[in-house]
Amino acid sequence: MNSVLLVRLAFDLSAAGLLLFGFTYWWLGNTAHELAGTAMFLLLIVHNLFNRRFYGTIGKTRRTMRPLFNVAVTLALLVAMVVLLVTSVLISEALSAVMSSFGGFAVRQIHTLAAYWALVIVAVHLGLRWPMIMSITRALFGISKPNAVRAWVLRLIALAIAIHGVWSSFELGLSGKLTMQVSLDWWNFEKSVIGFFVHCVAIAGLCTAVTYYALKWQQLRKRTTRTA
């Protein structure tokens, strides 16, 4: 197992975890929120340094669905993160003496919009790389042979997470968050902290599963068309 690949994966998972942690502003307050955001962006810089060659190969991307979709998702994620970073600076309380005139209500709304879109796009990004993640997992646990029972158990787990993700989307008002609708209906962290994270992970799992199985279906359809 390539140790560098494992380190990169650990960095990426840590960044994703910090993104989730950033949603707990109304639980832990501004200081924890800004520290988590700063750490996340430092990890994203590392991620982009590791993957810097990708940007030079965009023009050479094969004109087929998966490569083009991968480029589109990556660029969309880049845009979401840039918007998140810029708005973070503008509304930062640590920088309020400098940026106080720029951090209005609209900027905070855009910040929230970018954060929830980042959650969705990161999950789609993860779905594109799920075969690689499963390959690494099998190597770590020494699994070398396919097993039909194990495969079906994992599929049922994915289905359960996806169903929960649909419910969680309504519980967190995801559609409103993704369309920048003004709402005072925020999660009550005094009632449940774990529940919020479960809903966020379920939504991410839904997006990851839909991406992964949609691409598998597209590949199967393409293979069937060739043999027909």
C-alpha atoms as a PDB file:
ATOM      1  CA  MET A   1       0.000   0.000   0.000  1.00  0.00           C
ATOM      2  CA  ASN A   2       1.367   3.398  -1.015  1.00  0.00           C
ATOM      3  CA  SER A   3       1.930   5.395   2.196  1.00  0.00           C
ATOM      4  CA  VAL A   4       1.707   8.726   0.333  1.00  0.00           C
ATOM      5  CA  LEU A   5      -1.734   7.755  -0.984  1.00  0.00           C
ATOM      6  CA  LEU A   6      -2.878   6.921   2.547  1.00  0.00           C
ATOM      7  CA  VAL A   7      -1.616  10.281   3.835  1.00  0.00           C
ATOM      8  CA  ARG A   8      -3.441  12.084   1.025  1.00  0.00           C
ATOM      9  CA  LEU A   9      -6.627  10.172   1.795  1.00  0.00           C
ATOM     10  CA  ALA A  10      -6.284  11.027   5.500  1.00  0.00           C
ATOM     11  CA  PHE A  11      -5.898  14.726   4.638  1.00  0.00           C
ATOM     12  CA  ASP A  12      -8.950  14.625   2.361  1.00  0.00           C
ATOM     13  CA  LEU A  13     -11.122  12.860   4.936  1.00  0.00           C
ATOM     14  CA  SER A  14      -9.960  15.341   7.590  1.00  0.00           C
ATOM     15  CA  ALA A  15     -10.934  18.257   5.338  1.00  0.00           C
ATOM     16  CA  ALA A  16     -14.369  16.687   4.771  1.00  0.00           C
ATOM     17  CA  GLY A  17     -14.757  16.208   8.519  1.00  0.00           C
ATOM     18  CA  LEU A  18     -13.869  19.854   9.148  1.00  0.00           C
ATOM     19  CA  LEU A  19     -16.454  20.911   6.564  1.00  0.00           C
ATOM     20  CA  LEU A  20     -19.102  19.031   8.554  1.00  0.00           C
ATOM     21  CA  PHE A  21     -17.765  20.510  11.785  1.00  0.00           C
ATOM     22  CA  GLY A  22     -18.120  23.975  10.280  1.00  0.00           C
ATOM     23  CA  PHE A  23     -21.901  23.554  10.166  1.00  0.00           C
ATOM     24  CA  THR A  24     -22.012  23.585  13.973  1.00  0.00           C
ATOM     25  CA  TYR A  25     -21.697  27.369  14.230  1.00  0.00           C
ATOM     26  CA  TRP A  26     -24.839  27.601  16.368  1.00  0.00           C
ATOM     27  CA  TRP A  27     -23.503  24.904  18.695  1.00  0.00           C
ATOM     28  CA  LEU A  28     -19.853  25.791  19.380  1.00  0.00           C
ATOM     29  CA  GLY A  29     -19.791  29.432  18.364  1.00  0.00           C
ATOM     30  CA  ASN A  30     -17.674  31.582  16.093  1.00  0.00           C
ATOM     31  CA  THR A  31     -14.152  30.814  17.367  1.00  0.00           C
ATOM     32  CA  ALA A  32     -14.424  27.055  16.806  1.00  0.00           C
ATOM     33  CA  HIS A  33     -16.121  27.731  13.462  1.00  0.00           C
ATOM     34  CA  GLU A  34     -13.318  29.979  12.212  1.00  0.00           C
ATOM     35  CA  LEU A  35     -10.559  27.667  13.477  1.00  0.00           C
ATOM     36  CA  ALA A  36     -12.175  24.685  11.745  1.00  0.00           C
ATOM     37  CA  GLY A  37     -12.578  26.692   8.547  1.00  0.00           C
ATOM     38  CA  THR A  38      -8.954  27.831   8.611  1.00  0.00           C
ATOM     39  CA  ALA A  39      -7.716  24.268   9.139  1.00  0.00           C
ATOM     40  CA  MET A  40      -9.974  23.015   6.342  1.00  0.00           C
ATOM     41  CA  PHE A  41      -8.637  25.543   3.852  1.00  0.00           C
ATOM     42  CA  LEU A  42      -5.040  24.686   4.782  1.00  0.00           C
ATOM     43  CA  LEU A  43      -5.820  21.032   4.048  1.00  0.00           C
ATOM     44  CA  LEU A  44      -7.461  22.053   0.759  1.00  0.00           C
ATOM     45  CA  ILE A  45      -4.276  23.876  -0.232  1.00  0.00           C
ATOM     46  CA  VAL A  46      -2.356  20.660   0.458  1.00  0.00           C
ATOM     47  CA  HIS A  47      -4.948  18.698  -1.547  1.00  0.00           C
ATOM     48  CA  ASN A  48      -4.554  20.997  -4.543  1.00  0.00           C
ATOM     49  CA  LEU A  49      -0.763  20.828  -4.338  1.00  0.00           C
ATOM     50  CA  PHE A  50      -0.957  17.033  -4.480  1.00  0.00           C
ATOM     51  CA  ASN A  51      -3.367  17.231  -7.437  1.00  0.00           C
ATOM     52  CA  ARG A  52      -1.872  20.243  -9.239  1.00  0.00           C
ATOM     53  CA  ARG A  53      -1.257  18.243 -12.430  1.00  0.00           C
ATOM     54  CA  PHE A  54      -5.004  17.774 -12.861  1.00  0.00           C
ATOM     55  CA  TYR A  55      -5.507  21.396 -13.882  1.00  0.00           C
ATOM     56  CA  GLY A  56      -2.908  21.079 -16.641  1.00  0.00           C
ATOM     57  CA  THR A  57      -4.706  18.083 -18.149  1.00  0.00           C
ATOM     58  CA  ILE A  58      -8.205  19.610 -18.322  1.00  0.00           C
ATOM     59  CA  GLY A  59      -7.773  20.535 -21.991  1.00  0.00           C
ATOM     60  CA  LYS A  60      -6.806  16.937 -22.782  1.00  0.00           C
ATOM     61  CA  THR A  61      -9.862  15.415 -21.113  1.00  0.00           C
ATOM     62  CA  ARG A  62     -11.515  12.660 -23.145  1.00  0.00           C
ATOM     63  CA  ARG A  63     -14.889  13.752 -24.492  1.00  0.00           C
ATOM     64  CA  THR A  64     -16.828  11.017 -22.744  1.00  0.00           C
ATOM     65  CA  MET A  65     -19.336  11.286 -19.920  1.00  0.00           C
ATOM     66  CA  ARG A  66     -17.301  10.256 -16.865  1.00  0.00           C
ATOM     67  CA  PRO A  67     -14.145  12.339 -17.529  1.00  0.00           C
ATOM     68  CA  LEU A  68     -16.189  15.410 -18.467  1.00  0.00           C
ATOM     69  CA  PHE A  69     -18.439  14.971 -15.432  1.00  0.00           C
ATOM     70  CA  ASN A  70     -15.357  14.619 -13.231  1.00  0.00           C
ATOM     71  CA  VAL A  71     -13.932  17.897 -14.557  1.00  0.00           C
ATOM     72  CA  ALA A  72     -17.279  19.667 -14.122  1.00  0.00           C
ATOM     73  CA  VAL A  73     -17.645  18.452 -10.529  1.00  0.00           C
ATOM     74  CA  THR A  74     -14.060  19.385  -9.648  1.00  0.00           C
ATOM     75  CA  LEU A  75     -14.421  22.885 -11.099  1.00  0.00           C
ATOM     76  CA  ALA A  76     -17.793  23.330  -9.363  1.00  0.00           C
ATOM     77  CA  LEU A  77     -16.173  22.320  -6.080  1.00  0.00           C
ATOM     78  CA  LEU A  78     -13.337  24.764  -6.706  1.00  0.00           C
ATOM     79  CA  VAL A  79     -15.844  27.588  -7.287  1.00  0.00           C
ATOM     80  CA  ALA A  80     -17.807  26.671  -4.141  1.00  0.00           C
ATOM     81  CA  MET A  81     -14.637  26.638  -2.051  1.00  0.00           C
ATOM     82  CA  VAL A  82     -13.408  29.959  -3.446  1.00  0.00           C
ATOM     83  CA  VAL A  83     -16.786  31.555  -2.667  1.00  0.00           C
ATOM     84  CA  LEU A  84     -16.687  29.983   0.795  1.00  0.00           C
ATOM     85  CA  LEU A  85     -13.174  31.332   1.383  1.00  0.00           C
ATOM     86  CA  VAL A  86     -13.919  34.859   0.156  1.00  0.00           C
ATOM     87  CA  THR A  87     -17.119  35.148   2.184  1.00  0.00           C
ATOM     88  CA  SER A  88     -15.331  33.654   5.216  1.00  0.00           C
ATOM     89  CA  VAL A  89     -12.813  36.482   5.104  1.00  0.00           C
ATOM     90  CA  LEU A  90     -15.521  39.112   4.641  1.00  0.00           C
ATOM     91  CA  ILE A  91     -17.636  37.981   7.611  1.00  0.00           C
ATOM     92  CA  SER A  92     -14.787  36.889   9.896  1.00  0.00           C
ATOM     93  CA  GLU A  93     -15.079  38.283  13.416  1.00  0.00           C
ATOM     94  CA  ALA A  94     -11.316  37.927  13.790  1.00  0.00           C
ATOM     95  CA  LEU A  95     -10.917  40.319  10.846  1.00  0.00           C
ATOM     96  CA  SER A  96     -13.924  42.475  11.738  1.00  0.00           C
ATOM     97  CA  ALA A  97     -11.810  45.584  12.285  1.00  0.00           C
ATOM     98  CA  VAL A  98     -10.758  45.417   8.635  1.00  0.00           C
ATOM     99  CA  MET A  99     -13.748  43.769   6.949  1.00  0.00           C
ATOM    100  CA  SER A 100     -16.690  45.054   9.014  1.00  0.00           C
ATOM    101  CA  SER A 101     -18.112  47.139   6.153  1.00  0.00           C
ATOM    102  CA  PHE A 102     -18.234  44.131   3.798  1.00  0.00           C
ATOM    103  CA  GLY A 103     -19.764  41.410   5.984  1.00  0.00           C
ATOM    104  CA  GLY A 104     -23.467  42.122   5.625  1.00  0.00           C
ATOM    105  CA  PHE A 105     -26.490  39.818   5.692  1.00  0.00           C
ATOM    106  CA  ALA A 106     -26.274  38.990   1.973  1.00  0.00           C
ATOM    107  CA  VAL A 107     -22.644  37.877   2.333  1.00  0.00           C
ATOM    108  CA  ARG A 108     -23.590  35.590   5.226  1.00  0.00           C
ATOM    109  CA  GLN A 109     -26.374  34.089   3.121  1.00  0.00           C
ATOM    110  CA  ILE A 110     -23.947  33.460   0.259  1.00  0.00           C
ATOM    111  CA  HIS A 111     -21.534  31.881   2.759  1.00  0.00           C
ATOM    112  CA  THR A 112     -24.245  29.465   3.912  1.00  0.00           C
ATOM    113  CA  LEU A 113     -25.243  28.758   0.310  1.00  0.00           C
ATOM    114  CA  ALA A 114     -21.646  27.918  -0.655  1.00  0.00           C
ATOM    115  CA  ALA A 115     -21.202  25.709   2.418  1.00  0.00           C
ATOM    116  CA  TYR A 116     -24.225  23.510   1.685  1.00  0.00           C
ATOM    117  CA  TRP A 117     -23.376  23.289  -2.002  1.00  0.00           C
ATOM    118  CA  ALA A 118     -19.841  22.299  -0.975  1.00  0.00           C
ATOM    119  CA  LEU A 119     -21.301  19.469   1.125  1.00  0.00           C
ATOM    120  CA  VAL A 120     -23.268  18.146  -1.850  1.00  0.00           C
ATOM    121  CA  ILE A 121     -20.438  18.550  -4.370  1.00  0.00           C
ATOM    122  CA  VAL A 122     -17.868  16.951  -2.040  1.00  0.00           C
ATOM    123  CA  ALA A 123     -20.193  13.946  -1.726  1.00  0.00           C
ATOM    124  CA  VAL A 124     -20.548  13.711  -5.521  1.00  0.00           C
ATOM    125  CA  HIS A 125     -16.767  14.065  -5.809  1.00  0.00           C
ATOM    126  CA  LEU A 126     -16.452  11.175  -3.349  1.00  0.00           C
ATOM    127  CA  GLY A 127     -18.883   9.081  -5.395  1.00  0.00           C
ATOM    128  CA  LEU A 128     -16.664   9.495  -8.445  1.00  0.00           C
ATOM    129  CA  ARG A 129     -13.737   8.122  -6.467  1.00  0.00           C
ATOM    130  CA  TRP A 130     -15.604   5.417  -4.575  1.00  0.00           C
ATOM    131  CA  PRO A 131     -14.082   2.513  -6.574  1.00  0.00           C
ATOM    132  CA  MET A 132     -10.598   3.743  -5.595  1.00  0.00           C
ATOM    133  CA  ILE A 133     -11.623   4.102  -1.940  1.00  0.00           C
ATOM    134  CA  MET A 134     -13.079   0.586  -1.900  1.00  0.00           C
ATOM    135  CA  SER A 135      -9.898  -0.736  -3.511  1.00  0.00           C
ATOM    136  CA  ILE A 136      -7.794   0.894  -0.780  1.00  0.00           C
ATOM    137  CA  THR A 137     -10.123  -0.463   1.908  1.00  0.00           C
ATOM    138  CA  ARG A 138      -9.885  -4.002   0.520  1.00  0.00           C
ATOM    139  CA  ALA A 139      -6.091  -3.741   0.453  1.00  0.00           C
ATOM    140  CA  LEU A 140      -5.962  -2.481   4.063  1.00  0.00           C
ATOM    141  CA  PHE A 141      -8.112  -5.373   5.297  1.00  0.00           C
ATOM    142  CA  GLY A 142      -6.433  -7.965   3.088  1.00  0.00           C
ATOM    143  CA  ILE A 143      -9.588  -8.713   1.090  1.00  0.00           C
ATOM    144  CA  SER A 144      -8.562 -10.143  -2.261  1.00  0.00           C
ATOM    145  CA  LYS A 145     -11.543 -12.231  -3.378  1.00  0.00           C
ATOM    146  CA  PRO A 146     -15.056 -11.033  -4.285  1.00  0.00           C
ATOM    147  CA  ASN A 147     -17.895 -12.159  -2.053  1.00  0.00           C
ATOM    148  CA  ALA A 148     -21.518 -11.979  -3.180  1.00  0.00           C
ATOM    149  CA  VAL A 149     -22.925 -11.861   0.364  1.00  0.00           C
ATOM    150  CA  ARG A 150     -20.587  -9.033   1.371  1.00  0.00           C
ATOM    151  CA  ALA A 151     -21.440  -7.121  -1.804  1.00  0.00           C
ATOM    152  CA  TRP A 152     -25.186  -7.361  -1.166  1.00  0.00           C
ATOM    153  CA  VAL A 153     -24.791  -6.367   2.488  1.00  0.00           C
ATOM    154  CA  LEU A 154     -22.888  -3.248   1.408  1.00  0.00           C
ATOM    155  CA  ARG A 155     -25.544  -2.461  -1.196  1.00  0.00           C
ATOM    156  CA  LEU A 156     -28.307  -2.747   1.390  1.00  0.00           C
ATOM    157  CA  ILE A 157     -26.357  -0.475   3.744  1.00  0.00           C
ATOM    158  CA  ALA A 158     -25.936   2.040   0.911  1.00  0.00           C
ATOM    159  CA  LEU A 159     -29.682   1.850   0.203  1.00  0.00           C
ATOM    160  CA  ALA A 160     -30.524   2.425   3.881  1.00  0.00           C
ATOM    161  CA  ILE A 161     -28.187   5.431   4.030  1.00  0.00           C
ATOM    162  CA  ALA A 162     -29.690   6.838   0.816  1.00  0.00           C
ATOM    163  CA  ILE A 163     -33.250   6.501   2.159  1.00  0.00           C
ATOM    164  CA  HIS A 164     -32.165   8.173   5.393  1.00  0.00           C
ATOM    165  CA  GLY A 165     -30.496  10.864   3.284  1.00  0.00           C
ATOM    166  CA  VAL A 166     -33.784  11.691   1.550  1.00  0.00           C
ATOM    167  CA  TRP A 167     -35.472  12.097   4.935  1.00  0.00           C
ATOM    168  CA  SER A 168     -32.518  14.116   6.259  1.00  0.00           C
ATOM    169  CA  SER A 169     -32.777  16.489   3.298  1.00  0.00           C
ATOM    170  CA  PHE A 170     -36.257  17.455   4.483  1.00  0.00           C
ATOM    171  CA  GLU A 171     -35.258  17.547   8.146  1.00  0.00           C
ATOM    172  CA  LEU A 172     -32.458  20.053   7.466  1.00  0.00           C
ATOM    173  CA  GLY A 173     -34.405  21.983   4.829  1.00  0.00           C
ATOM    174  CA  LEU A 174     -31.693  21.277   2.279  1.00  0.00           C
ATOM    175  CA  SER A 175     -33.601  22.601  -0.731  1.00  0.00           C
ATOM    176  CA  GLY A 176     -33.981  25.975   0.961  1.00  0.00           C
ATOM    177  CA  LYS A 177     -30.293  26.047   1.887  1.00  0.00           C
ATOM    178  CA  LEU A 178     -29.280  25.277  -1.712  1.00  0.00           C
ATOM    179  CA  THR A 179     -31.474  28.044  -3.121  1.00  0.00           C
ATOM    180  CA  MET A 180     -30.557  30.709  -0.531  1.00  0.00           C
ATOM    181  CA  GLN A 181     -34.058  30.988   0.868  1.00  0.00           C
ATOM    182  CA  VAL A 182     -34.186  33.088   4.023  1.00  0.00           C
ATOM    183  CA  SER A 183     -35.189  30.954   7.003  1.00  0.00           C
ATOM    184  CA  LEU A 184     -34.953  31.096  10.790  1.00  0.00           C
ATOM    185  CA  ASP A 185     -35.492  27.341  11.049  1.00  0.00           C
ATOM    186  CA  TRP A 186     -32.037  26.275  12.255  1.00  0.00           C
ATOM    187  CA  TRP A 187     -31.155  22.995  13.912  1.00  0.00           C
ATOM    188  CA  ASN A 188     -31.653  22.955  17.688  1.00  0.00           C
ATOM    189  CA  PHE A 189     -28.318  21.692  19.026  1.00  0.00           C
ATOM    190  CA  GLU A 190     -29.652  21.738  22.584  1.00  0.00           C
ATOM    191  CA  LYS A 191     -32.035  18.990  21.524  1.00  0.00           C
ATOM    192  CA  SER A 192     -29.526  16.821  19.648  1.00  0.00           C
ATOM    193  CA  VAL A 193     -25.944  17.219  18.438  1.00  0.00           C
ATOM    194  CA  ILE A 194     -25.385  13.722  17.092  1.00  0.00           C
ATOM    195  CA  GLY A 195     -28.653  13.891  15.151  1.00  0.00           C
ATOM    196  CA  PHE A 196     -27.384  16.846  13.135  1.00  0.00           C
ATOM    197  CA  PHE A 197     -24.199  15.031  12.134  1.00  0.00           C
ATOM    198  CA  VAL A 198     -26.174  11.884  11.289  1.00  0.00           C
ATOM    199  CA  HIS A 199     -28.396  13.920   8.960  1.00  0.00           C
ATOM    200  CA  CYS A 200     -25.390  15.583   7.284  1.00  0.00           C
ATOM    201  CA  VAL A 201     -23.594  12.263   6.787  1.00  0.00           C
ATOM    202  CA  ALA A 202     -26.797  10.684   5.447  1.00  0.00           C
ATOM    203  CA  ILE A 203     -27.211  13.501   2.906  1.00  0.00           C
ATOM    204  CA  ALA A 204     -23.589  13.084   1.852  1.00  0.00           C
ATOM    205  CA  GLY A 205     -24.112   9.316   1.639  1.00  0.00           C
ATOM    206  CA  LEU A 206     -27.180   9.822  -0.553  1.00  0.00           C
ATOM    207  CA  CYS A 207     -25.252  12.021  -3.005  1.00  0.00           C
ATOM    208  CA  THR A 208     -22.283   9.640  -3.010  1.00  0.00           C
ATOM    209  CA  ALA A 209     -24.459   6.575  -3.623  1.00  0.00           C
ATOM    210  CA  VAL A 210     -26.503   8.240  -6.379  1.00  0.00           C
ATOM    211  CA  THR A 211     -23.305   9.332  -8.148  1.00  0.00           C
ATOM    212  CA  TYR A 212     -21.608   5.946  -7.843  1.00  0.00           C
ATOM    213  CA  TYR A 213     -24.572   3.841  -8.959  1.00  0.00           C
ATOM    214  CA  ALA A 214     -25.603   6.271 -11.708  1.00  0.00           C
ATOM    215  CA  LEU A 215     -22.142   5.968 -13.237  1.00  0.00           C
ATOM    216  CA  LYS A 216     -22.207   2.180 -12.837  1.00  0.00           C
ATOM    217  CA  TRP A 217     -25.572   2.098 -14.595  1.00  0.00           C
ATOM    218  CA  GLN A 218     -24.193   4.307 -17.374  1.00  0.00           C
ATOM    219  CA  GLN A 219     -21.195   1.998 -17.816  1.00  0.00           C
ATOM    220  CA  LEU A 220     -23.449  -1.076 -17.890  1.00  0.00           C
ATOM    221  CA  ARG A 221     -25.728   0.571 -20.429  1.00  0.00           C
ATOM    222  CA  LYS A 222     -22.747   1.484 -22.589  1.00  0.00           C
ATOM    223  CA  ARG A 223     -21.404  -2.073 -22.406  1.00  0.00           C
ATOM    224  CA  THR A 224     -24.819  -3.506 -23.281  1.00  0.00           C
ATOM    225  CA  THR A 225     -25.119  -1.174 -26.278  1.00  0.00           C
ATOM    226  CA  ARG A 226     -21.739  -2.313 -27.588  1.00  0.00           C
ATOM    227  CA  THR A 227     -22.627  -5.997 -27.368  1.00  0.00           C
ATOM    228  CA  ALA A 228     -26.104  -5.550 -28.854  1.00  0.00           C
END
